[in-house]
Amino acid sequence: MIDSFDGVVGGSELGIMSINLKADLTNITYADGSKITGETTFTKSDGTTGTVANMSLATETQGHAVTSTSATDASGTVSVTSAGLNADGSKAFVDTSSISADGSAITNTYDNNGDGVVDHTQVITTSTDANGTRTETITNTNGGHVLLDSIQTITDGDGTNVTINRDTTGGGWMAANDNFGSVRWVA
């Protein structure tokens, strides 16, 4: 269901026939505190599909006007830039996300005060090996490119074994490890 200024629109009115209720392990936190905690797909009546996300949106309590622009370069990388503007028109913050054409690399940069200097960078890389094992690594660095923390999630090709490694101190090594062996997904 979509809430808009013009009223409420249901999925069938938009041609949405089904939504997969099994979200993936996507976990992205943005500088403003908004989060995406899972993505899945929906199918429309014409057979096309789209992506839907479980989101928790932060509110803009400072009264900034937010503008967004997007561009796609020759390699297919999509960059989305969101800027918060103060009442006088000066930049309050600038957040940029660049997503590779195949979706395997996402780089998020955050200029927390609009001064043109990146204060925080988050890089998310995803790869799948020949056995179907999927590895996602999320790395956070400060403006000086000093490692703050990272998390690596490894999921076996059949999805039955998940290992999460964490570097919570920015020391460059995975000191915390959780292994969720024999995971059985229930529909």
N, C-alpha and C. Protein backbone atom coordinates (compact mmCIF):
# COMPACT_ATOMS: atom_id res chain seq x y z
N MET A 1 0.84 -1.16 0.00
CA MET A 1 0.00 0.00 0.00
C MET A 1 0.89 1.23 0.00
N ILE A 2 0.51 2.24 -0.76
CA ILE A 2 1.28 3.48 -0.83
C ILE A 2 0.42 4.60 -0.32
N ASP A 3 0.93 5.34 0.65
CA ASP A 3 0.24 6.51 1.18
C ASP A 3 0.77 7.73 0.43
N SER A 4 -0.08 8.55 -0.09
CA SER A 4 0.35 9.76 -0.78
C SER A 4 -0.58 10.89 -0.41
N PHE A 5 -0.26 12.08 -0.89
CA PHE A 5 -1.11 13.22 -0.62
C PHE A 5 -2.47 13.06 -1.29
N ASP A 6 -2.53 12.22 -2.32
CA ASP A 6 -3.77 12.02 -3.06
C ASP A 6 -4.60 10.88 -2.51
N GLY A 7 -4.16 10.25 -1.44
CA GLY A 7 -4.91 9.16 -0.86
C GLY A 7 -4.08 7.90 -0.75
N VAL A 8 -4.75 6.79 -0.58
CA VAL A 8 -4.09 5.50 -0.41
C VAL A 8 -4.32 4.66 -1.66
N VAL A 9 -3.25 4.05 -2.17
CA VAL A 9 -3.33 3.21 -3.35
C VAL A 9 -2.90 1.81 -2.96
N GLY A 10 -3.67 0.81 -3.30
CA GLY A 10 -3.33 -0.58 -3.01
C GLY A 10 -2.46 -1.18 -4.09
N GLY A 11 -1.83 -2.31 -3.78
CA GLY A 11 -0.94 -2.98 -4.71
C GLY A 11 -1.62 -3.39 -6.01
N SER A 12 -2.86 -3.87 -5.94
CA SER A 12 -3.54 -4.31 -7.16
C SER A 12 -3.78 -3.14 -8.10
N GLU A 13 -3.98 -1.95 -7.57
CA GLU A 13 -4.16 -0.77 -8.41
C GLU A 13 -2.88 -0.38 -9.12
N LEU A 14 -1.75 -0.83 -8.60
CA LEU A 14 -0.45 -0.57 -9.23
C LEU A 14 -0.02 -1.74 -10.11
N GLY A 15 -0.86 -2.77 -10.22
CA GLY A 15 -0.53 -3.93 -11.04
C GLY A 15 0.34 -4.94 -10.33
N ILE A 16 0.52 -4.82 -9.02
CA ILE A 16 1.35 -5.76 -8.26
C ILE A 16 0.51 -6.99 -7.93
N MET A 17 0.99 -8.14 -8.41
CA MET A 17 0.25 -9.39 -8.22
C MET A 17 0.76 -10.19 -7.02
N SER A 18 2.08 -10.11 -6.77
CA SER A 18 2.63 -10.89 -5.66
C SER A 18 3.89 -10.21 -5.13
N ILE A 19 4.16 -10.46 -3.85
CA ILE A 19 5.37 -9.98 -3.20
C ILE A 19 6.00 -11.16 -2.49
N ASN A 20 7.29 -11.42 -2.78
CA ASN A 20 8.03 -12.47 -2.10
C ASN A 20 8.25 -12.00 -0.66
N LEU A 21 7.82 -12.77 0.32
CA LEU A 21 7.93 -12.36 1.72
C LEU A 21 9.24 -12.79 2.38
N LYS A 22 10.15 -13.41 1.62
CA LYS A 22 11.44 -13.82 2.16
C LYS A 22 12.48 -12.77 1.77
N ALA A 23 12.84 -11.91 2.71
CA ALA A 23 13.83 -10.87 2.45
C ALA A 23 15.24 -11.44 2.52
N ASP A 24 16.16 -10.83 1.77
CA ASP A 24 17.56 -11.25 1.84
C ASP A 24 18.23 -10.61 3.05
N LEU A 25 19.56 -10.72 3.13
CA LEU A 25 20.30 -10.23 4.29
C LEU A 25 20.83 -8.81 4.12
N THR A 26 20.30 -8.06 3.14
CA THR A 26 20.75 -6.69 2.95
C THR A 26 20.62 -5.93 4.27
N ASN A 27 21.68 -5.20 4.62
CA ASN A 27 21.66 -4.41 5.84
C ASN A 27 22.51 -3.16 5.60
N ILE A 28 21.83 -2.06 5.30
CA ILE A 28 22.52 -0.81 4.98
C ILE A 28 22.03 0.26 5.95
N THR A 29 22.97 0.95 6.59
CA THR A 29 22.63 2.06 7.46
C THR A 29 23.17 3.33 6.84
N TYR A 30 22.31 4.33 6.71
CA TYR A 30 22.69 5.60 6.12
C TYR A 30 23.06 6.59 7.22
N ALA A 31 23.76 7.66 6.83
CA ALA A 31 24.27 8.64 7.80
C ALA A 31 23.16 9.24 8.65
N ASP A 32 21.97 9.38 8.10
CA ASP A 32 20.89 10.00 8.86
C ASP A 32 20.20 9.02 9.81
N GLY A 33 20.64 7.76 9.82
CA GLY A 33 20.05 6.76 10.69
C GLY A 33 19.00 5.90 10.01
N SER A 34 18.61 6.25 8.78
CA SER A 34 17.68 5.40 8.04
C SER A 34 18.36 4.08 7.74
N LYS A 35 17.57 3.01 7.63
CA LYS A 35 18.14 1.68 7.40
C LYS A 35 17.31 0.90 6.39
N ILE A 36 18.02 0.09 5.61
CA ILE A 36 17.38 -0.95 4.81
C ILE A 36 17.80 -2.26 5.46
N THR A 37 16.83 -3.06 5.90
CA THR A 37 17.14 -4.28 6.64
C THR A 37 16.71 -5.54 5.91
N GLY A 38 16.55 -5.45 4.61
CA GLY A 38 16.22 -6.61 3.80
C GLY A 38 15.59 -6.17 2.50
N GLU A 39 15.87 -6.91 1.45
CA GLU A 39 15.27 -6.64 0.15
C GLU A 39 14.68 -7.93 -0.41
N THR A 40 13.65 -7.77 -1.21
CA THR A 40 13.02 -8.91 -1.87
C THR A 40 12.39 -8.40 -3.17
N THR A 41 11.60 -9.20 -3.83
CA THR A 41 11.05 -8.82 -5.12
C THR A 41 9.53 -8.85 -5.12
N PHE A 42 8.96 -8.15 -6.10
CA PHE A 42 7.53 -8.21 -6.35
C PHE A 42 7.33 -8.47 -7.84
N THR A 43 6.19 -9.03 -8.20
CA THR A 43 5.87 -9.32 -9.60
C THR A 43 4.59 -8.59 -9.97
N LYS A 44 4.65 -7.93 -11.13
CA LYS A 44 3.49 -7.19 -11.62
C LYS A 44 2.68 -8.06 -12.59
N SER A 45 1.49 -7.62 -12.91
CA SER A 45 0.58 -8.38 -13.77
C SER A 45 1.14 -8.57 -15.18
N ASP A 46 2.06 -7.70 -15.62
CA ASP A 46 2.66 -7.86 -16.96
C ASP A 46 3.89 -8.76 -16.95
N GLY A 47 4.21 -9.35 -15.78
CA GLY A 47 5.34 -10.27 -15.67
C GLY A 47 6.64 -9.61 -15.26
N THR A 48 6.70 -8.28 -15.25
CA THR A 48 7.93 -7.61 -14.82
C THR A 48 8.06 -7.71 -13.31
N THR A 49 9.30 -7.57 -12.86
CA THR A 49 9.56 -7.65 -11.43
C THR A 49 10.24 -6.36 -10.97
N GLY A 50 10.21 -6.15 -9.67
CA GLY A 50 10.86 -5.00 -9.07
C GLY A 50 11.38 -5.37 -7.70
N THR A 51 12.06 -4.44 -7.08
CA THR A 51 12.63 -4.66 -5.76
C THR A 51 11.86 -3.86 -4.73
N VAL A 52 11.63 -4.49 -3.60
CA VAL A 52 10.99 -3.83 -2.47
C VAL A 52 11.89 -4.04 -1.25
N ALA A 53 11.93 -3.06 -0.37
CA ALA A 53 12.83 -3.14 0.77
C ALA A 53 12.08 -2.91 2.08
N ASN A 54 12.62 -3.52 3.13
CA ASN A 54 12.15 -3.26 4.48
C ASN A 54 12.98 -2.07 4.97
N MET A 55 12.31 -0.96 5.23
CA MET A 55 13.04 0.26 5.56
C MET A 55 12.57 0.85 6.88
N SER A 56 13.51 1.46 7.55
CA SER A 56 13.22 2.25 8.73
C SER A 56 13.76 3.64 8.42
N LEU A 57 12.88 4.62 8.25
CA LEU A 57 13.30 5.94 7.83
C LEU A 57 13.48 6.88 9.02
N ALA A 58 14.58 7.60 9.00
CA ALA A 58 14.82 8.62 10.01
C ALA A 58 14.12 9.90 9.57
N THR A 59 13.76 10.70 10.50
CA THR A 59 13.13 11.96 10.15
C THR A 59 14.17 13.07 10.12
N GLU A 60 13.92 14.08 9.34
CA GLU A 60 14.81 15.23 9.23
C GLU A 60 14.36 16.26 10.26
N THR A 61 14.99 16.23 11.42
CA THR A 61 14.56 17.08 12.53
C THR A 61 15.14 18.48 12.46
N GLN A 62 16.15 18.70 11.62
CA GLN A 62 16.79 20.01 11.53
C GLN A 62 16.09 20.95 10.55
N GLY A 63 15.09 20.45 9.83
CA GLY A 63 14.36 21.28 8.88
C GLY A 63 15.09 21.52 7.58
N HIS A 64 16.01 20.63 7.22
CA HIS A 64 16.74 20.77 5.96
C HIS A 64 15.86 20.40 4.77
N ALA A 65 15.98 21.15 3.71
CA ALA A 65 15.38 20.74 2.44
C ALA A 65 16.36 19.76 1.82
N VAL A 66 15.89 18.62 1.35
CA VAL A 66 16.78 17.59 0.81
C VAL A 66 16.53 17.45 -0.70
N THR A 67 17.61 17.51 -1.46
CA THR A 67 17.52 17.32 -2.91
C THR A 67 18.33 16.08 -3.27
N SER A 68 17.90 15.38 -4.30
CA SER A 68 18.62 14.19 -4.77
C SER A 68 18.80 14.26 -6.27
N THR A 69 19.97 13.82 -6.72
CA THR A 69 20.25 13.70 -8.14
C THR A 69 20.87 12.34 -8.39
N SER A 70 20.72 11.82 -9.59
CA SER A 70 21.35 10.55 -9.93
C SER A 70 21.95 10.63 -11.32
N ALA A 71 22.97 9.82 -11.53
CA ALA A 71 23.65 9.77 -12.83
C ALA A 71 24.21 8.37 -13.02
N THR A 72 24.29 7.95 -14.27
CA THR A 72 24.87 6.65 -14.62
C THR A 72 26.06 6.91 -15.54
N ASP A 73 27.23 6.35 -15.19
CA ASP A 73 28.41 6.57 -16.03
C ASP A 73 28.51 5.49 -17.11
N ALA A 74 29.54 5.57 -17.93
CA ALA A 74 29.70 4.66 -19.07
C ALA A 74 29.82 3.20 -18.65
N SER A 75 30.31 2.94 -17.44
CA SER A 75 30.45 1.55 -16.97
C SER A 75 29.15 0.99 -16.41
N GLY A 76 28.14 1.85 -16.28
CA GLY A 76 26.86 1.41 -15.72
C GLY A 76 26.73 1.68 -14.23
N THR A 77 27.76 2.27 -13.63
CA THR A 77 27.69 2.61 -12.20
C THR A 77 26.69 3.75 -12.01
N VAL A 78 25.79 3.55 -11.06
CA VAL A 78 24.78 4.56 -10.75
C VAL A 78 25.21 5.29 -9.48
N SER A 79 25.23 6.61 -9.55
CA SER A 79 25.56 7.43 -8.38
C SER A 79 24.36 8.28 -8.03
N VAL A 80 24.00 8.24 -6.74
CA VAL A 80 22.89 9.04 -6.23
C VAL A 80 23.45 9.95 -5.15
N THR A 81 23.23 11.25 -5.31
CA THR A 81 23.71 12.23 -4.34
C THR A 81 22.52 12.93 -3.71
N SER A 82 22.50 12.94 -2.38
CA SER A 82 21.46 13.64 -1.63
C SER A 82 22.14 14.73 -0.82
N ALA A 83 21.60 15.95 -0.93
CA ALA A 83 22.16 17.07 -0.20
C ALA A 83 21.08 17.71 0.66
N GLY A 84 21.44 17.97 1.90
CA GLY A 84 20.55 18.69 2.80
C GLY A 84 20.94 20.16 2.78
N LEU A 85 19.95 21.01 2.62
CA LEU A 85 20.22 22.45 2.56
C LEU A 85 19.66 23.16 3.78
N ASN A 86 20.46 24.05 4.32
CA ASN A 86 20.02 24.90 5.42
C ASN A 86 19.02 25.94 4.90
N ALA A 87 18.37 26.64 5.79
CA ALA A 87 17.39 27.67 5.41
C ALA A 87 18.00 28.74 4.53
N ASP A 88 19.31 29.03 4.69
CA ASP A 88 19.96 30.06 3.88
C ASP A 88 20.48 29.53 2.54
N GLY A 89 20.22 28.23 2.26
CA GLY A 89 20.63 27.62 0.99
C GLY A 89 21.99 26.96 1.03
N SER A 90 22.75 27.15 2.11
CA SER A 90 24.06 26.50 2.22
C SER A 90 23.87 25.01 2.49
N LYS A 91 24.87 24.21 2.13
CA LYS A 91 24.79 22.77 2.32
C LYS A 91 24.97 22.39 3.78
N ALA A 92 24.05 21.56 4.26
CA ALA A 92 24.13 21.05 5.63
C ALA A 92 24.84 19.70 5.65
N PHE A 93 24.63 18.89 4.59
CA PHE A 93 25.29 17.58 4.46
C PHE A 93 25.16 17.14 3.01
N VAL A 94 26.04 16.19 2.62
CA VAL A 94 25.97 15.59 1.29
C VAL A 94 26.28 14.11 1.45
N ASP A 95 25.35 13.26 1.01
CA ASP A 95 25.53 11.81 1.03
C ASP A 95 25.52 11.32 -0.41
N THR A 96 26.47 10.46 -0.77
CA THR A 96 26.54 9.92 -2.12
C THR A 96 26.64 8.41 -2.06
N SER A 97 25.86 7.72 -2.88
CA SER A 97 25.94 6.27 -3.02
C SER A 97 26.26 5.95 -4.46
N SER A 98 27.28 5.12 -4.68
CA SER A 98 27.64 4.66 -6.02
C SER A 98 27.49 3.15 -6.04
N ILE A 99 26.69 2.65 -6.99
CA ILE A 99 26.39 1.23 -7.08
C ILE A 99 26.90 0.72 -8.42
N SER A 100 27.79 -0.29 -8.39
CA SER A 100 28.33 -0.83 -9.63
C SER A 100 27.21 -1.43 -10.48
N ALA A 101 27.46 -1.55 -11.78
CA ALA A 101 26.45 -2.03 -12.71
C ALA A 101 25.92 -3.41 -12.33
N ASP A 102 26.78 -4.27 -11.80
CA ASP A 102 26.35 -5.62 -11.42
C ASP A 102 25.89 -5.70 -9.96
N GLY A 103 25.94 -4.58 -9.26
CA GLY A 103 25.49 -4.54 -7.87
C GLY A 103 26.45 -5.13 -6.87
N SER A 104 27.63 -5.53 -7.30
CA SER A 104 28.57 -6.20 -6.40
C SER A 104 29.38 -5.24 -5.53
N ALA A 105 29.32 -3.96 -5.83
CA ALA A 105 30.07 -2.98 -5.03
C ALA A 105 29.22 -1.72 -4.85
N ILE A 106 29.12 -1.30 -3.60
CA ILE A 106 28.41 -0.08 -3.25
C ILE A 106 29.34 0.75 -2.38
N THR A 107 29.52 2.01 -2.75
CA THR A 107 30.31 2.92 -1.94
C THR A 107 29.42 4.08 -1.52
N ASN A 108 29.30 4.26 -0.21
CA ASN A 108 28.53 5.36 0.35
C ASN A 108 29.49 6.33 1.01
N THR A 109 29.39 7.62 0.66
CA THR A 109 30.22 8.62 1.31
C THR A 109 29.31 9.64 1.99
N TYR A 110 29.80 10.16 3.11
CA TYR A 110 29.02 11.06 3.93
C TYR A 110 29.85 12.29 4.29
N ASP A 111 29.39 13.46 3.83
CA ASP A 111 29.93 14.74 4.25
C ASP A 111 28.93 15.27 5.26
N ASN A 112 29.22 15.08 6.54
CA ASN A 112 28.23 15.33 7.59
C ASN A 112 27.86 16.79 7.81
N ASN A 113 28.70 17.72 7.31
CA ASN A 113 28.40 19.14 7.56
C ASN A 113 28.43 20.00 6.31
N GLY A 114 28.51 19.38 5.13
CA GLY A 114 28.43 20.12 3.88
C GLY A 114 29.65 20.95 3.53
N ASP A 115 30.79 20.66 4.17
CA ASP A 115 31.99 21.45 3.91
C ASP A 115 32.83 20.93 2.73
N GLY A 116 32.33 19.89 2.06
CA GLY A 116 33.06 19.34 0.90
C GLY A 116 34.07 18.27 1.26
N VAL A 117 34.18 17.94 2.55
CA VAL A 117 35.13 16.92 3.01
C VAL A 117 34.34 15.68 3.42
N VAL A 118 34.72 14.52 2.89
CA VAL A 118 34.05 13.26 3.26
C VAL A 118 34.46 12.90 4.68
N ASP A 119 33.46 12.73 5.56
CA ASP A 119 33.71 12.42 6.96
C ASP A 119 33.66 10.93 7.25
N HIS A 120 32.98 10.16 6.40
CA HIS A 120 32.78 8.73 6.64
C HIS A 120 32.53 8.06 5.30
N THR A 121 33.13 6.90 5.10
CA THR A 121 32.90 6.11 3.89
C THR A 121 32.52 4.71 4.29
N GLN A 122 31.51 4.17 3.61
CA GLN A 122 31.09 2.78 3.82
C GLN A 122 31.18 2.09 2.47
N VAL A 123 31.90 0.95 2.42
CA VAL A 123 32.03 0.17 1.20
C VAL A 123 31.41 -1.20 1.45
N ILE A 124 30.52 -1.60 0.56
CA ILE A 124 29.86 -2.91 0.65
C ILE A 124 30.20 -3.68 -0.61
N THR A 125 30.87 -4.82 -0.44
CA THR A 125 31.20 -5.66 -1.59
C THR A 125 30.55 -7.02 -1.42
N THR A 126 30.11 -7.58 -2.54
CA THR A 126 29.48 -8.89 -2.53
C THR A 126 30.09 -9.72 -3.65
N SER A 127 30.42 -10.96 -3.33
CA SER A 127 30.95 -11.87 -4.35
C SER A 127 30.37 -13.26 -4.12
N THR A 128 30.31 -14.03 -5.17
CA THR A 128 29.85 -15.42 -5.10
C THR A 128 30.88 -16.28 -5.80
N ASP A 129 31.37 -17.33 -5.11
CA ASP A 129 32.37 -18.19 -5.72
C ASP A 129 31.72 -19.30 -6.54
N ALA A 130 32.54 -20.17 -7.12
CA ALA A 130 32.05 -21.23 -8.01
C ALA A 130 31.12 -22.21 -7.30
N ASN A 131 31.24 -22.33 -5.99
CA ASN A 131 30.38 -23.24 -5.22
C ASN A 131 29.07 -22.56 -4.78
N GLY A 132 28.91 -21.29 -5.14
CA GLY A 132 27.70 -20.57 -4.75
C GLY A 132 27.80 -19.90 -3.40
N THR A 133 28.96 -19.97 -2.75
CA THR A 133 29.13 -19.32 -1.46
C THR A 133 29.18 -17.81 -1.68
N ARG A 134 28.32 -17.09 -0.94
CA ARG A 134 28.20 -15.64 -1.08
C ARG A 134 28.90 -14.97 0.09
N THR A 135 29.77 -14.00 -0.21
CA THR A 135 30.48 -13.25 0.81
C THR A 135 30.14 -11.77 0.65
N GLU A 136 29.63 -11.19 1.72
CA GLU A 136 29.35 -9.76 1.74
C GLU A 136 30.22 -9.13 2.82
N THR A 137 30.94 -8.08 2.45
CA THR A 137 31.80 -7.38 3.41
C THR A 137 31.39 -5.91 3.45
N ILE A 138 31.17 -5.41 4.65
CA ILE A 138 30.83 -4.00 4.86
C ILE A 138 31.96 -3.39 5.68
N THR A 139 32.59 -2.36 5.13
CA THR A 139 33.72 -1.71 5.77
C THR A 139 33.42 -0.24 5.97
N ASN A 140 33.67 0.27 7.16
CA ASN A 140 33.46 1.69 7.47
C ASN A 140 34.80 2.33 7.81
N THR A 141 35.09 3.47 7.16
CA THR A 141 36.30 4.23 7.46
C THR A 141 35.92 5.67 7.74
N ASN A 142 36.82 6.37 8.44
CA ASN A 142 36.58 7.80 8.69
C ASN A 142 37.12 8.61 7.52
N GLY A 143 37.06 9.94 7.62
CA GLY A 143 37.50 10.81 6.54
C GLY A 143 38.97 10.67 6.20
N GLY A 144 39.78 10.19 7.13
CA GLY A 144 41.20 9.97 6.89
C GLY A 144 41.49 8.57 6.39
N HIS A 145 40.47 7.83 6.01
CA HIS A 145 40.55 6.45 5.52
C HIS A 145 41.06 5.47 6.57
N VAL A 146 40.86 5.80 7.84
CA VAL A 146 41.22 4.91 8.94
C VAL A 146 40.04 3.98 9.19
N LEU A 147 40.33 2.69 9.25
CA LEU A 147 39.29 1.68 9.46
C LEU A 147 38.61 1.88 10.81
N LEU A 148 37.27 1.98 10.78
CA LEU A 148 36.48 2.08 12.00
C LEU A 148 35.96 0.71 12.43
N ASP A 149 35.39 -0.04 11.48
CA ASP A 149 34.87 -1.37 11.76
C ASP A 149 34.54 -2.05 10.44
N SER A 150 34.33 -3.35 10.50
CA SER A 150 33.88 -4.09 9.32
C SER A 150 33.15 -5.35 9.77
N ILE A 151 32.32 -5.83 8.87
CA ILE A 151 31.58 -7.06 9.12
C ILE A 151 31.56 -7.86 7.82
N GLN A 152 31.77 -9.14 7.95
CA GLN A 152 31.79 -10.04 6.79
C GLN A 152 30.78 -11.15 7.04
N THR A 153 29.86 -11.33 6.10
CA THR A 153 28.87 -12.39 6.20
C THR A 153 29.10 -13.37 5.06
N ILE A 154 29.32 -14.63 5.42
CA ILE A 154 29.58 -15.69 4.44
C ILE A 154 28.43 -16.69 4.52
N THR A 155 27.75 -16.89 3.39
CA THR A 155 26.63 -17.81 3.33
C THR A 155 26.94 -18.90 2.32
N ASP A 156 26.93 -20.17 2.76
CA ASP A 156 27.18 -21.29 1.85
C ASP A 156 26.19 -21.27 0.71
N GLY A 157 26.58 -21.89 -0.40
CA GLY A 157 25.77 -21.91 -1.60
C GLY A 157 24.37 -22.43 -1.39
N ASP A 158 24.19 -23.38 -0.49
CA ASP A 158 22.85 -23.91 -0.25
C ASP A 158 22.13 -23.17 0.87
N GLY A 159 22.78 -22.14 1.44
CA GLY A 159 22.15 -21.30 2.45
C GLY A 159 22.02 -21.93 3.83
N THR A 160 22.66 -23.09 4.05
CA THR A 160 22.49 -23.78 5.33
C THR A 160 23.54 -23.41 6.37
N ASN A 161 24.59 -22.70 5.98
CA ASN A 161 25.63 -22.33 6.92
C ASN A 161 25.97 -20.86 6.72
N VAL A 162 25.81 -20.07 7.78
CA VAL A 162 26.10 -18.65 7.73
C VAL A 162 27.13 -18.33 8.80
N THR A 163 28.21 -17.66 8.39
CA THR A 163 29.25 -17.23 9.32
C THR A 163 29.34 -15.72 9.25
N ILE A 164 29.34 -15.07 10.40
CA ILE A 164 29.48 -13.61 10.47
C ILE A 164 30.74 -13.31 11.25
N ASN A 165 31.67 -12.60 10.60
CA ASN A 165 32.92 -12.18 11.22
C ASN A 165 32.86 -10.67 11.42
N ARG A 166 33.31 -10.19 12.59
CA ARG A 166 33.25 -8.77 12.89
C ARG A 166 34.59 -8.23 13.37
N ASP A 167 34.94 -7.06 12.84
CA ASP A 167 36.04 -6.26 13.38
C ASP A 167 35.35 -5.04 13.98
N THR A 168 35.09 -5.06 15.26
CA THR A 168 34.32 -3.99 15.91
C THR A 168 35.19 -2.83 16.37
N THR A 169 36.52 -2.99 16.31
CA THR A 169 37.41 -1.96 16.83
C THR A 169 38.22 -1.25 15.75
N GLY A 170 38.15 -1.74 14.51
CA GLY A 170 38.95 -1.14 13.44
C GLY A 170 40.39 -1.57 13.48
N GLY A 171 40.67 -2.66 14.17
CA GLY A 171 42.04 -3.15 14.27
C GLY A 171 42.53 -3.88 13.03
N GLY A 172 41.61 -4.20 12.12
CA GLY A 172 42.02 -4.88 10.89
C GLY A 172 41.90 -6.39 10.96
N TRP A 173 41.41 -6.93 12.06
CA TRP A 173 41.22 -8.37 12.18
C TRP A 173 39.81 -8.64 12.68
N MET A 174 39.30 -9.79 12.29
CA MET A 174 37.95 -10.19 12.68
C MET A 174 38.02 -10.87 14.05
N ALA A 175 37.72 -10.13 15.11
CA ALA A 175 37.85 -10.65 16.46
C ALA A 175 36.59 -11.34 16.95
N ALA A 176 35.44 -10.96 16.41
CA ALA A 176 34.18 -11.58 16.83
C ALA A 176 33.68 -12.44 15.68
N ASN A 177 33.23 -13.65 16.02
CA ASN A 177 32.79 -14.58 14.99
C ASN A 177 31.54 -15.30 15.47
N ASP A 178 30.52 -15.34 14.61
CA ASP A 178 29.32 -16.11 14.88
C ASP A 178 29.12 -17.07 13.73
N ASN A 179 28.90 -18.33 14.05
CA ASN A 179 28.65 -19.33 13.01
C ASN A 179 27.28 -19.92 13.25
N PHE A 180 26.43 -19.76 12.28
CA PHE A 180 25.08 -20.27 12.37
C PHE A 180 24.98 -21.49 11.46
N GLY A 181 25.59 -22.59 11.88
CA GLY A 181 25.60 -23.80 11.08
C GLY A 181 24.24 -24.44 11.02
N SER A 182 24.00 -25.18 9.98
CA SER A 182 22.74 -25.91 9.79
C SER A 182 21.51 -25.02 9.92
N VAL A 183 21.58 -23.86 9.27
CA VAL A 183 20.43 -22.98 9.23
C VAL A 183 19.40 -23.56 8.29
N ARG A 184 18.19 -23.64 8.74
CA ARG A 184 17.11 -24.15 7.90
C ARG A 184 16.09 -23.04 7.76
N TRP A 185 15.90 -22.56 6.54
CA TRP A 185 14.96 -21.49 6.29
C TRP A 185 13.56 -22.08 6.21
N VAL A 186 12.67 -21.49 6.97
CA VAL A 186 11.29 -21.97 7.00
C VAL A 186 10.41 -20.99 6.24
N ALA A 187 9.62 -21.51 5.34
CA ALA A 187 8.76 -20.64 4.52
C ALA A 187 7.57 -20.18 5.32
